[in-house]
């Protein structure tokens, strides 16, 4: 609940997506008046419709609006105190980060939004000026959106949530795998660079805590659960303990990784660049985060899922 003890009106954009549906659920769970934007031309995407109806049955309001119809965006954001955008920034799905520039314009015009959380939820783009091509496009685009938000004077919170557990832990930190093998694993380099893995439901829970917290106004918050700052080798060891055997290990050197990457299509290269920075350079854990910007310290009441607990579901 808000600092005034009252519910917020929260609009989620991209609410049927991978993280978006969790943000909607977290908003409903927090007792906020929840609005879910959906495109009018949803066609026969039955899974999306059924998901939207399940939210509606829990009390959410469905709002038909589209990025192709600017006035509909203004009307949609006029309904809310808080706007959370979770449109895809993953190239293997669809990359739409810059669409948010229209949203920023609409929020500015509507003039009623007290907090905007743009689609980020990964590596902090402000720390990735040195990122490699082609993956740096993700960070560059997010910075374009940030500059627009700040120039428009819109109150914001940026959420840097690090590695989605489903993608990283499920595949034991191997790109292209989302189920852990009981036989073998490829270590990226020495396998000792630390990553930070966060359960997607926890990302949503922390985000919803931050939307009306004066401490997170116009700041970046990092989700860095202390027990989940682990290297690939440490993740593999937890899995080996569960299955009671050691996996066969192959090492993929930095040079080999980059050579393989160059052969992939553009979308795959973008994703692999991100793995490179996390797993070979350790970009996520290479800096300290102040307690007043770290979600698990700000909201100790949220019980986060540890890597051990997360991996147990695959046994």
C-alpha atoms as a PDB file:
ATOM      1  CA  UNK A   1       0.000   0.000   0.000  1.00  0.00           C
ATOM      2  CA  UNK A   2       1.033   3.594  -0.502  1.00  0.00           C
ATOM      3  CA  UNK A   3       2.777   5.723   2.059  1.00  0.00           C
ATOM      4  CA  UNK A   4      -0.680   7.193   2.729  1.00  0.00           C
ATOM      5  CA  UNK A   5      -2.017   3.666   3.269  1.00  0.00           C
ATOM      6  CA  UNK A   6      -4.206   3.860   0.167  1.00  0.00           C
ATOM      7  CA  UNK A   7      -4.175   1.677  -2.909  1.00  0.00           C
ATOM      8  CA  UNK A   8      -2.670   3.024  -6.105  1.00  0.00           C
ATOM      9  CA  UNK A   9      -4.138   2.835  -9.557  1.00  0.00           C
ATOM     10  CA  UNK A  10      -1.532   0.797 -11.419  1.00  0.00           C
ATOM     11  CA  UNK A  11      -1.493   0.413 -15.206  1.00  0.00           C
ATOM     12  CA  UNK A  12       0.617  -2.442 -16.560  1.00  0.00           C
ATOM     13  CA  UNK A  13       1.613  -2.341 -20.227  1.00  0.00           C
ATOM     14  CA  UNK A  14       2.750  -5.665 -21.656  1.00  0.00           C
ATOM     15  CA  UNK A  15       0.737  -7.439 -18.974  1.00  0.00           C
ATOM     16  CA  UNK A  16       0.427 -10.747 -20.826  1.00  0.00           C
ATOM     17  CA  UNK A  17       4.199 -11.062 -21.323  1.00  0.00           C
ATOM     18  CA  UNK A  18       6.786 -13.144 -19.503  1.00  0.00           C
ATOM     19  CA  UNK A  19       7.435 -10.607 -16.754  1.00  0.00           C
ATOM     20  CA  UNK A  20       4.314  -8.520 -17.343  1.00  0.00           C
ATOM     21  CA  UNK A  21       1.878 -11.189 -16.191  1.00  0.00           C
ATOM     22  CA  UNK A  22       3.831 -11.453 -12.934  1.00  0.00           C
ATOM     23  CA  UNK A  23       3.717  -7.683 -12.463  1.00  0.00           C
ATOM     24  CA  UNK A  24      -0.079  -7.742 -12.896  1.00  0.00           C
ATOM     25  CA  UNK A  25      -0.375 -10.557 -10.360  1.00  0.00           C
ATOM     26  CA  UNK A  26       1.899  -8.750  -7.880  1.00  0.00           C
ATOM     27  CA  UNK A  27      -0.187  -5.593  -8.264  1.00  0.00           C
ATOM     28  CA  UNK A  28      -3.406  -7.531  -7.605  1.00  0.00           C
ATOM     29  CA  UNK A  29      -1.754  -9.298  -4.650  1.00  0.00           C
ATOM     30  CA  UNK A  30      -0.745  -5.905  -3.216  1.00  0.00           C
ATOM     31  CA  UNK A  31      -4.345  -4.720  -3.307  1.00  0.00           C
ATOM     32  CA  UNK A  32      -3.802  -2.016  -5.923  1.00  0.00           C
ATOM     33  CA  UNK A  33      -6.492  -0.989  -8.352  1.00  0.00           C
ATOM     34  CA  UNK A  34      -4.971  -2.765 -11.358  1.00  0.00           C
ATOM     35  CA  UNK A  35      -5.411  -1.857 -15.026  1.00  0.00           C
ATOM     36  CA  UNK A  36      -4.054  -4.049 -17.814  1.00  0.00           C
ATOM     37  CA  UNK A  37      -3.584  -2.561 -21.255  1.00  0.00           C
ATOM     38  CA  UNK A  38      -4.101  -4.811 -24.247  1.00  0.00           C
ATOM     39  CA  UNK A  39      -4.167  -4.223 -27.969  1.00  0.00           C
ATOM     40  CA  UNK A  40      -7.613  -4.094 -29.582  1.00  0.00           C
ATOM     41  CA  UNK A  41      -6.378  -6.369 -32.400  1.00  0.00           C
ATOM     42  CA  UNK A  42      -5.485  -9.364 -30.247  1.00  0.00           C
ATOM     43  CA  UNK A  43      -6.813 -11.696 -32.981  1.00  0.00           C
ATOM     44  CA  UNK A  44      -7.200 -15.330 -31.933  1.00  0.00           C
ATOM     45  CA  UNK A  45      -4.391 -15.403 -29.391  1.00  0.00           C
ATOM     46  CA  UNK A  46      -6.477 -17.527 -27.036  1.00  0.00           C
ATOM     47  CA  UNK A  47      -3.822 -17.845 -24.324  1.00  0.00           C
ATOM     48  CA  UNK A  48      -3.540 -14.072 -24.018  1.00  0.00           C
ATOM     49  CA  UNK A  49      -7.310 -13.667 -23.863  1.00  0.00           C
ATOM     50  CA  UNK A  50      -7.646 -16.332 -21.181  1.00  0.00           C
ATOM     51  CA  UNK A  51      -4.843 -14.762 -19.156  1.00  0.00           C
ATOM     52  CA  UNK A  52      -6.538 -11.343 -19.431  1.00  0.00           C
ATOM     53  CA  UNK A  53      -9.864 -12.858 -18.360  1.00  0.00           C
ATOM     54  CA  UNK A  54      -8.220 -14.544 -15.362  1.00  0.00           C
ATOM     55  CA  UNK A  55      -6.890 -11.110 -14.295  1.00  0.00           C
ATOM     56  CA  UNK A  56     -10.333  -9.616 -14.822  1.00  0.00           C
ATOM     57  CA  UNK A  57     -11.878 -12.285 -12.612  1.00  0.00           C
ATOM     58  CA  UNK A  58      -9.439 -11.239  -9.881  1.00  0.00           C
ATOM     59  CA  UNK A  59     -10.634  -7.642 -10.163  1.00  0.00           C
ATOM     60  CA  UNK A  60      -8.313  -6.119 -12.792  1.00  0.00           C
ATOM     61  CA  UNK A  61      -9.693  -3.652 -15.338  1.00  0.00           C
ATOM     62  CA  UNK A  62      -8.890  -4.386 -18.983  1.00  0.00           C
ATOM     63  CA  UNK A  63      -8.011  -1.325 -21.037  1.00  0.00           C
ATOM     64  CA  UNK A  64      -7.971  -1.509 -24.819  1.00  0.00           C
ATOM     65  CA  UNK A  65      -5.248   0.774 -26.221  1.00  0.00           C
ATOM     66  CA  UNK A  66      -2.445   0.663 -28.744  1.00  0.00           C
ATOM     67  CA  UNK A  67       0.920   2.232 -29.495  1.00  0.00           C
ATOM     68  CA  UNK A  68      -0.453   2.837 -32.995  1.00  0.00           C
ATOM     69  CA  UNK A  69      -3.198   5.068 -31.587  1.00  0.00           C
ATOM     70  CA  UNK A  70      -1.596   7.863 -29.573  1.00  0.00           C
ATOM     71  CA  UNK A  71      -4.847   9.206 -28.110  1.00  0.00           C
ATOM     72  CA  UNK A  72      -5.705   5.741 -26.772  1.00  0.00           C
ATOM     73  CA  UNK A  73      -2.345   5.755 -24.933  1.00  0.00           C
ATOM     74  CA  UNK A  74      -3.068   9.149 -23.371  1.00  0.00           C
ATOM     75  CA  UNK A  75      -6.515   7.908 -22.317  1.00  0.00           C
ATOM     76  CA  UNK A  76      -5.023   4.729 -20.811  1.00  0.00           C
ATOM     77  CA  UNK A  77      -2.333   6.474 -18.749  1.00  0.00           C
ATOM     78  CA  UNK A  78      -4.905   9.035 -17.581  1.00  0.00           C
ATOM     79  CA  UNK A  79      -6.492   6.207 -15.557  1.00  0.00           C
ATOM     80  CA  UNK A  80      -3.425   5.538 -13.422  1.00  0.00           C
ATOM     81  CA  UNK A  81      -1.120   6.995 -10.748  1.00  0.00           C
ATOM     82  CA  UNK A  82       1.565   4.476 -11.617  1.00  0.00           C
ATOM     83  CA  UNK A  83       2.524   3.108 -15.036  1.00  0.00           C
ATOM     84  CA  UNK A  84       4.677  -0.022 -15.291  1.00  0.00           C
ATOM     85  CA  UNK A  85       5.848  -0.989 -18.747  1.00  0.00           C
ATOM     86  CA  UNK A  86       7.047  -4.513 -19.458  1.00  0.00           C
ATOM     87  CA  UNK A  87       7.178  -4.588 -23.229  1.00  0.00           C
ATOM     88  CA  UNK A  88       9.785  -6.942 -24.594  1.00  0.00           C
ATOM     89  CA  UNK A  89      13.401  -5.973 -24.824  1.00  0.00           C
ATOM     90  CA  UNK A  90      14.517  -9.469 -25.802  1.00  0.00           C
ATOM     91  CA  UNK A  91      15.466  -9.669 -29.468  1.00  0.00           C
ATOM     92  CA  UNK A  92      14.650 -13.371 -29.769  1.00  0.00           C
ATOM     93  CA  UNK A  93      11.037 -12.450 -28.960  1.00  0.00           C
ATOM     94  CA  UNK A  94      10.481  -8.893 -30.179  1.00  0.00           C
ATOM     95  CA  UNK A  95      12.442  -5.783 -29.365  1.00  0.00           C
ATOM     96  CA  UNK A  96      10.207  -2.812 -28.714  1.00  0.00           C
ATOM     97  CA  UNK A  97      12.053  -0.686 -26.175  1.00  0.00           C
ATOM     98  CA  UNK A  98      11.910   2.510 -28.249  1.00  0.00           C
ATOM     99  CA  UNK A  99       8.108   2.269 -28.552  1.00  0.00           C
ATOM    100  CA  UNK A 100       8.181   3.653 -25.019  1.00  0.00           C
ATOM    101  CA  UNK A 101       9.084   7.087 -26.405  1.00  0.00           C
ATOM    102  CA  UNK A 102       5.399   7.394 -27.405  1.00  0.00           C
ATOM    103  CA  UNK A 103       4.417   6.324 -23.915  1.00  0.00           C
ATOM    104  CA  UNK A 104       6.684   8.958 -22.324  1.00  0.00           C
ATOM    105  CA  UNK A 105       5.006  11.585 -24.510  1.00  0.00           C
ATOM    106  CA  UNK A 106       1.545  10.321 -23.496  1.00  0.00           C
ATOM    107  CA  UNK A 107       2.444  10.328 -19.773  1.00  0.00           C
ATOM    108  CA  UNK A 108       3.766  13.865 -20.075  1.00  0.00           C
ATOM    109  CA  UNK A 109       0.593  14.999 -21.831  1.00  0.00           C
ATOM    110  CA  UNK A 110      -1.738  13.255 -19.348  1.00  0.00           C
ATOM    111  CA  UNK A 111       0.135  14.874 -16.456  1.00  0.00           C
ATOM    112  CA  UNK A 112      -1.286  12.684 -13.678  1.00  0.00           C
ATOM    113  CA  UNK A 113       1.284   9.889 -13.317  1.00  0.00           C
ATOM    114  CA  UNK A 114       3.168   9.882 -10.012  1.00  0.00           C
ATOM    115  CA  UNK A 115       5.626   7.144 -10.970  1.00  0.00           C
ATOM    116  CA  UNK A 116       6.728   5.498 -14.203  1.00  0.00           C
ATOM    117  CA  UNK A 117       8.646   2.213 -14.247  1.00  0.00           C
ATOM    118  CA  UNK A 118       9.914   1.688 -17.800  1.00  0.00           C
ATOM    119  CA  UNK A 119      10.801  -1.687 -19.281  1.00  0.00           C
ATOM    120  CA  UNK A 120      14.257  -2.468 -17.892  1.00  0.00           C
ATOM    121  CA  UNK A 121      14.480  -5.365 -15.386  1.00  0.00           C
ATOM    122  CA  UNK A 122      17.915  -6.571 -16.541  1.00  0.00           C
ATOM    123  CA  UNK A 123      21.454  -5.217 -16.425  1.00  0.00           C
ATOM    124  CA  UNK A 124      21.671  -1.522 -15.516  1.00  0.00           C
ATOM    125  CA  UNK A 125      22.193   0.124 -18.930  1.00  0.00           C
ATOM    126  CA  UNK A 126      23.926   3.134 -17.346  1.00  0.00           C
ATOM    127  CA  UNK A 127      26.857   0.824 -16.512  1.00  0.00           C
ATOM    128  CA  UNK A 128      27.127  -0.663 -20.001  1.00  0.00           C
ATOM    129  CA  UNK A 129      28.635   2.187 -22.059  1.00  0.00           C
ATOM    130  CA  UNK A 130      31.484  -0.163 -22.957  1.00  0.00           C
ATOM    131  CA  UNK A 131      29.209  -3.033 -24.033  1.00  0.00           C
ATOM    132  CA  UNK A 132      30.016  -4.951 -27.196  1.00  0.00           C
ATOM    133  CA  UNK A 133      28.125  -4.876 -30.502  1.00  0.00           C
ATOM    134  CA  UNK A 134      25.504  -5.950 -31.323  1.00  0.00           C
ATOM    135  CA  UNK A 135      24.153  -6.528 -27.809  1.00  0.00           C
ATOM    136  CA  UNK A 136      24.752  -2.970 -26.712  1.00  0.00           C
ATOM    137  CA  UNK A 137      21.665  -1.901 -28.704  1.00  0.00           C
ATOM    138  CA  UNK A 138      19.533  -3.031 -25.737  1.00  0.00           C
ATOM    139  CA  UNK A 139      21.416  -0.742 -23.360  1.00  0.00           C
ATOM    140  CA  UNK A 140      21.615   2.160 -25.830  1.00  0.00           C
ATOM    141  CA  UNK A 141      17.860   2.019 -26.469  1.00  0.00           C
ATOM    142  CA  UNK A 142      17.084   1.907 -22.749  1.00  0.00           C
ATOM    143  CA  UNK A 143      19.286   4.974 -22.212  1.00  0.00           C
ATOM    144  CA  UNK A 144      17.413   6.839 -24.987  1.00  0.00           C
ATOM    145  CA  UNK A 145      14.170   6.107 -23.091  1.00  0.00           C
ATOM    146  CA  UNK A 146      15.709   7.174 -19.759  1.00  0.00           C
ATOM    147  CA  UNK A 147      16.844  10.495 -21.215  1.00  0.00           C
ATOM    148  CA  UNK A 148      13.344  11.123 -22.593  1.00  0.00           C
ATOM    149  CA  UNK A 149      11.769  10.349 -19.189  1.00  0.00           C
ATOM    150  CA  UNK A 150      14.164  12.659 -17.376  1.00  0.00           C
ATOM    151  CA  UNK A 151      13.834  15.468 -19.941  1.00  0.00           C
ATOM    152  CA  UNK A 152      10.031  15.228 -19.650  1.00  0.00           C
ATOM    153  CA  UNK A 153      10.325  15.553 -15.855  1.00  0.00           C
ATOM    154  CA  UNK A 154       8.373  12.341 -15.254  1.00  0.00           C
ATOM    155  CA  UNK A 155       8.911  10.764 -11.787  1.00  0.00           C
ATOM    156  CA  UNK A 156      10.499   7.348 -12.296  1.00  0.00           C
ATOM    157  CA  UNK A 157      12.008   4.242 -10.749  1.00  0.00           C
ATOM    158  CA  UNK A 158      14.383   2.073 -12.779  1.00  0.00           C
ATOM    159  CA  UNK A 159      14.591  -1.592 -11.770  1.00  0.00           C
ATOM    160  CA  UNK A 160      17.836  -3.446 -12.512  1.00  0.00           C
ATOM    161  CA  UNK A 161      16.844  -7.018 -11.747  1.00  0.00           C
ATOM    162  CA  UNK A 162      19.900  -8.822 -13.153  1.00  0.00           C
ATOM    163  CA  UNK A 163      19.430 -12.407 -14.477  1.00  0.00           C
ATOM    164  CA  UNK A 164      15.986 -13.957 -14.853  1.00  0.00           C
ATOM    165  CA  UNK A 165      16.214 -17.271 -12.997  1.00  0.00           C
ATOM    166  CA  UNK A 166      14.141 -19.150 -15.572  1.00  0.00           C
ATOM    167  CA  UNK A 167      16.641 -18.436 -18.330  1.00  0.00           C
ATOM    168  CA  UNK A 168      19.897 -18.598 -16.388  1.00  0.00           C
ATOM    169  CA  UNK A 169      19.388 -21.194 -13.650  1.00  0.00           C
ATOM    170  CA  UNK A 170      17.255 -23.591 -15.682  1.00  0.00           C
ATOM    171  CA  UNK A 171      20.050 -23.987 -18.193  1.00  0.00           C
ATOM    172  CA  UNK A 172      22.889 -23.859 -15.637  1.00  0.00           C
ATOM    173  CA  UNK A 173      23.949 -20.512 -17.160  1.00  0.00           C
ATOM    174  CA  UNK A 174      24.368 -21.973 -20.653  1.00  0.00           C
ATOM    175  CA  UNK A 175      22.864 -19.893 -23.465  1.00  0.00           C
ATOM    176  CA  UNK A 176      20.208 -21.790 -25.417  1.00  0.00           C
ATOM    177  CA  UNK A 177      19.355 -24.190 -22.568  1.00  0.00           C
ATOM    178  CA  UNK A 178      16.491 -23.822 -20.104  1.00  0.00           C
ATOM    179  CA  UNK A 179      16.506 -27.316 -18.596  1.00  0.00           C
ATOM    180  CA  UNK A 180      19.504 -28.589 -16.617  1.00  0.00           C
ATOM    181  CA  UNK A 181      21.235 -31.691 -17.973  1.00  0.00           C
ATOM    182  CA  UNK A 182      21.994 -34.638 -15.687  1.00  0.00           C
ATOM    183  CA  UNK A 183      25.004 -35.543 -17.817  1.00  0.00           C
ATOM    184  CA  UNK A 184      27.108 -32.586 -18.925  1.00  0.00           C
ATOM    185  CA  UNK A 185      27.612 -28.850 -18.773  1.00  0.00           C
ATOM    186  CA  UNK A 186      29.693 -26.309 -20.677  1.00  0.00           C
ATOM    187  CA  UNK A 187      31.489 -23.841 -18.432  1.00  0.00           C
ATOM    188  CA  UNK A 188      31.857 -20.333 -19.822  1.00  0.00           C
ATOM    189  CA  UNK A 189      35.525 -19.506 -19.306  1.00  0.00           C
ATOM    190  CA  UNK A 190      36.693 -20.528 -15.834  1.00  0.00           C
ATOM    191  CA  UNK A 191      33.066 -20.509 -14.653  1.00  0.00           C
ATOM    192  CA  UNK A 192      34.041 -18.345 -11.676  1.00  0.00           C
ATOM    193  CA  UNK A 193      32.537 -14.964 -12.593  1.00  0.00           C
ATOM    194  CA  UNK A 194      29.631 -14.103 -10.317  1.00  0.00           C
ATOM    195  CA  UNK A 195      26.136 -13.598 -11.692  1.00  0.00           C
ATOM    196  CA  UNK A 196      22.994 -12.519  -9.824  1.00  0.00           C
ATOM    197  CA  UNK A 197      19.906 -14.674 -10.343  1.00  0.00           C
ATOM    198  CA  UNK A 198      16.400 -13.564  -9.397  1.00  0.00           C
ATOM    199  CA  UNK A 199      13.118 -15.449  -9.449  1.00  0.00           C
ATOM    200  CA  UNK A 200      10.795 -13.618 -11.847  1.00  0.00           C
ATOM    201  CA  UNK A 201       7.966 -13.502  -9.288  1.00  0.00           C
ATOM    202  CA  UNK A 202      10.356 -11.846  -6.839  1.00  0.00           C
ATOM    203  CA  UNK A 203      11.310  -9.224  -9.434  1.00  0.00           C
ATOM    204  CA  UNK A 204       7.607  -8.383  -9.693  1.00  0.00           C
ATOM    205  CA  UNK A 205       7.110  -8.315  -5.916  1.00  0.00           C
ATOM    206  CA  UNK A 206      10.027  -5.925  -5.365  1.00  0.00           C
ATOM    207  CA  UNK A 207       8.918  -3.691  -8.247  1.00  0.00           C
ATOM    208  CA  UNK A 208       5.444  -3.330  -6.728  1.00  0.00           C
ATOM    209  CA  UNK A 209       6.974  -2.441  -3.353  1.00  0.00           C
ATOM    210  CA  UNK A 210       9.026   0.317  -4.970  1.00  0.00           C
ATOM    211  CA  UNK A 211       6.266   2.097  -6.948  1.00  0.00           C
ATOM    212  CA  UNK A 212       5.093   4.330  -4.099  1.00  0.00           C
ATOM    213  CA  UNK A 213       8.186   4.370  -1.902  1.00  0.00           C
ATOM    214  CA  UNK A 214       9.642   7.885  -1.535  1.00  0.00           C
ATOM    215  CA  UNK A 215      13.089   6.260  -1.124  1.00  0.00           C
ATOM    216  CA  UNK A 216      13.028   4.952  -4.711  1.00  0.00           C
ATOM    217  CA  UNK A 217      11.792   8.131  -6.377  1.00  0.00           C
ATOM    218  CA  UNK A 218      13.962   9.067  -9.383  1.00  0.00           C
ATOM    219  CA  UNK A 219      16.436   6.310  -8.568  1.00  0.00           C
ATOM    220  CA  UNK A 220      17.668   2.988  -9.891  1.00  0.00           C
ATOM    221  CA  UNK A 221      17.081   0.050  -7.579  1.00  0.00           C
ATOM    222  CA  UNK A 222      19.008  -3.190  -7.901  1.00  0.00           C
ATOM    223  CA  UNK A 223      17.645  -6.620  -7.012  1.00  0.00           C
ATOM    224  CA  UNK A 224      20.712  -8.361  -5.598  1.00  0.00           C
ATOM    225  CA  UNK A 225      19.651 -11.121  -3.179  1.00  0.00           C
ATOM    226  CA  UNK A 226      22.820 -11.901  -1.171  1.00  0.00           C
ATOM    227  CA  UNK A 227      22.380 -15.699  -1.392  1.00  0.00           C
ATOM    228  CA  UNK A 228      21.927 -15.519  -5.165  1.00  0.00           C
ATOM    229  CA  UNK A 229      25.236 -13.908  -6.087  1.00  0.00           C
ATOM    230  CA  UNK A 230      26.932 -17.037  -7.428  1.00  0.00           C
ATOM    231  CA  UNK A 231      29.279 -18.178 -10.159  1.00  0.00           C
ATOM    232  CA  UNK A 232      28.299 -20.692 -12.826  1.00  0.00           C
ATOM    233  CA  UNK A 233      30.455 -23.296 -11.032  1.00  0.00           C
ATOM    234  CA  UNK A 234      28.555 -22.671  -7.789  1.00  0.00           C
ATOM    235  CA  UNK A 235      25.214 -23.038  -9.582  1.00  0.00           C
ATOM    236  CA  UNK A 236      26.416 -26.323 -11.137  1.00  0.00           C
ATOM    237  CA  UNK A 237      27.582 -27.572  -7.707  1.00  0.00           C
ATOM    238  CA  UNK A 238      24.119 -26.994  -6.222  1.00  0.00           C
ATOM    239  CA  UNK A 239      22.597 -29.012  -9.085  1.00  0.00           C
ATOM    240  CA  UNK A 240      25.181 -31.798  -8.706  1.00  0.00           C
ATOM    241  CA  UNK A 241      24.370 -32.033  -5.008  1.00  0.00           C
ATOM    242  CA  UNK A 242      20.677 -32.496  -5.861  1.00  0.00           C
ATOM    243  CA  UNK A 243      21.240 -35.212  -8.466  1.00  0.00           C
ATOM    244  CA  UNK A 244      24.017 -36.919  -6.497  1.00  0.00           C
ATOM    245  CA  UNK A 245      26.594 -36.971  -9.282  1.00  0.00           C
ATOM    246  CA  UNK A 246      29.138 -34.807 -11.028  1.00  0.00           C
ATOM    247  CA  UNK A 247      28.449 -33.524 -14.518  1.00  0.00           C
ATOM    248  CA  UNK A 248      30.962 -33.909 -17.334  1.00  0.00           C
ATOM    249  CA  UNK A 249      32.461 -30.455 -17.811  1.00  0.00           C
ATOM    250  CA  UNK A 250      33.692 -28.846 -21.012  1.00  0.00           C
ATOM    251  CA  UNK A 251      35.241 -25.380 -20.994  1.00  0.00           C
ATOM    252  CA  UNK A 252      34.329 -22.856 -23.672  1.00  0.00           C
ATOM    253  CA  UNK A 253      37.054 -20.225 -23.861  1.00  0.00           C
ATOM    254  CA  UNK A 254      36.305 -16.576 -24.462  1.00  0.00           C
ATOM    255  CA  UNK A 255      37.740 -16.825 -28.006  1.00  0.00           C
ATOM    256  CA  UNK A 256      35.618 -19.895 -28.811  1.00  0.00           C
ATOM    257  CA  UNK A 257      32.492 -18.239 -27.427  1.00  0.00           C
ATOM    258  CA  UNK A 258      33.041 -15.117 -29.560  1.00  0.00           C
ATOM    259  CA  UNK A 259      33.731 -17.239 -32.659  1.00  0.00           C
ATOM    260  CA  UNK A 260      30.489 -19.221 -32.164  1.00  0.00           C
ATOM    261  CA  UNK A 261      28.617 -15.976 -31.531  1.00  0.00           C
ATOM    262  CA  UNK A 262      29.732 -14.436 -34.834  1.00  0.00           C
ATOM    263  CA  UNK A 263      28.049 -17.298 -36.723  1.00  0.00           C
ATOM    264  CA  UNK A 264      24.592 -16.690 -35.238  1.00  0.00           C
ATOM    265  CA  UNK A 265      21.830 -14.464 -36.577  1.00  0.00           C
ATOM    266  CA  UNK A 266      21.491 -10.920 -35.279  1.00  0.00           C
ATOM    267  CA  UNK A 267      18.873 -11.631 -32.585  1.00  0.00           C
ATOM    268  CA  UNK A 268      20.915 -14.534 -31.194  1.00  0.00           C
ATOM    269  CA  UNK A 269      24.076 -12.420 -31.223  1.00  0.00           C
ATOM    270  CA  UNK A 270      22.361  -9.747 -29.144  1.00  0.00           C
ATOM    271  CA  UNK A 271      21.425 -12.316 -26.475  1.00  0.00           C
ATOM    272  CA  UNK A 272      24.857 -13.930 -26.517  1.00  0.00           C
ATOM    273  CA  UNK A 273      26.538 -10.560 -26.031  1.00  0.00           C
ATOM    274  CA  UNK A 274      24.629 -10.238 -22.757  1.00  0.00           C
ATOM    275  CA  UNK A 275      25.800 -13.685 -21.637  1.00  0.00           C
ATOM    276  CA  UNK A 276      29.335 -12.669 -22.542  1.00  0.00           C
ATOM    277  CA  UNK A 277      29.302  -9.599 -20.289  1.00  0.00           C
ATOM    278  CA  UNK A 278      27.720 -11.503 -17.405  1.00  0.00           C
ATOM    279  CA  UNK A 279      29.603 -14.810 -17.612  1.00  0.00           C
ATOM    280  CA  UNK A 280      33.024 -13.832 -18.965  1.00  0.00           C
ATOM    281  CA  UNK A 281      33.371 -10.315 -17.561  1.00  0.00           C
ATOM    282  CA  UNK A 282      31.254 -10.584 -14.415  1.00  0.00           C
ATOM    283  CA  UNK A 283      29.654  -7.192 -15.130  1.00  0.00           C
ATOM    284  CA  UNK A 284      26.746  -7.667 -12.695  1.00  0.00           C
ATOM    285  CA  UNK A 285      28.715  -8.251  -9.521  1.00  0.00           C
ATOM    286  CA  UNK A 286      31.676  -6.002 -10.314  1.00  0.00           C
ATOM    287  CA  UNK A 287      30.353  -3.038  -8.317  1.00  0.00           C
ATOM    288  CA  UNK A 288      28.924  -2.462  -4.854  1.00  0.00           C
ATOM    289  CA  UNK A 289      25.274  -1.513  -4.416  1.00  0.00           C
ATOM    290  CA  UNK A 290      24.326   0.811  -1.559  1.00  0.00           C
ATOM    291  CA  UNK A 291      21.769  -0.573   0.897  1.00  0.00           C
ATOM    292  CA  UNK A 292      19.345   2.264   0.071  1.00  0.00           C
ATOM    293  CA  UNK A 293      19.266   1.106  -3.567  1.00  0.00           C
ATOM    294  CA  UNK A 294      19.139  -2.651  -3.015  1.00  0.00           C
ATOM    295  CA  UNK A 295      15.690  -4.225  -3.037  1.00  0.00           C
ATOM    296  CA  UNK A 296      16.274  -7.007  -0.504  1.00  0.00           C
ATOM    297  CA  UNK A 297      17.571  -4.409   2.003  1.00  0.00           C
ATOM    298  CA  UNK A 298      14.768  -1.932   1.274  1.00  0.00           C
ATOM    299  CA  UNK A 299      12.073  -4.619   1.580  1.00  0.00           C
ATOM    300  CA  UNK A 300      13.303  -7.281   4.017  1.00  0.00           C
ATOM    301  CA  UNK A 301       9.672  -8.417   4.432  1.00  0.00           C
ATOM    302  CA  UNK A 302       9.733  -9.971   0.942  1.00  0.00           C
ATOM    303  CA  UNK A 303      11.018 -13.522   1.250  1.00  0.00           C
ATOM    304  CA  UNK A 304      12.985 -14.128  -1.909  1.00  0.00           C
ATOM    305  CA  UNK A 305      13.543 -17.497  -3.561  1.00  0.00           C
ATOM    306  CA  UNK A 306      17.147 -18.649  -3.260  1.00  0.00           C
ATOM    307  CA  UNK A 307      19.041 -20.338  -6.098  1.00  0.00           C
ATOM    308  CA  UNK A 308      18.942 -23.570  -4.053  1.00  0.00           C
ATOM    309  CA  UNK A 309      15.152 -23.401  -3.765  1.00  0.00           C
ATOM    310  CA  UNK A 310      14.771 -22.444  -7.418  1.00  0.00           C
ATOM    311  CA  UNK A 311      16.897 -25.316  -8.752  1.00  0.00           C
ATOM    312  CA  UNK A 312      15.051 -27.855  -6.604  1.00  0.00           C
ATOM    313  CA  UNK A 313      12.037 -27.689  -8.941  1.00  0.00           C
ATOM    314  CA  UNK A 314      14.082 -29.324 -11.730  1.00  0.00           C
ATOM    315  CA  UNK A 315      15.175 -32.365  -9.730  1.00  0.00           C
END
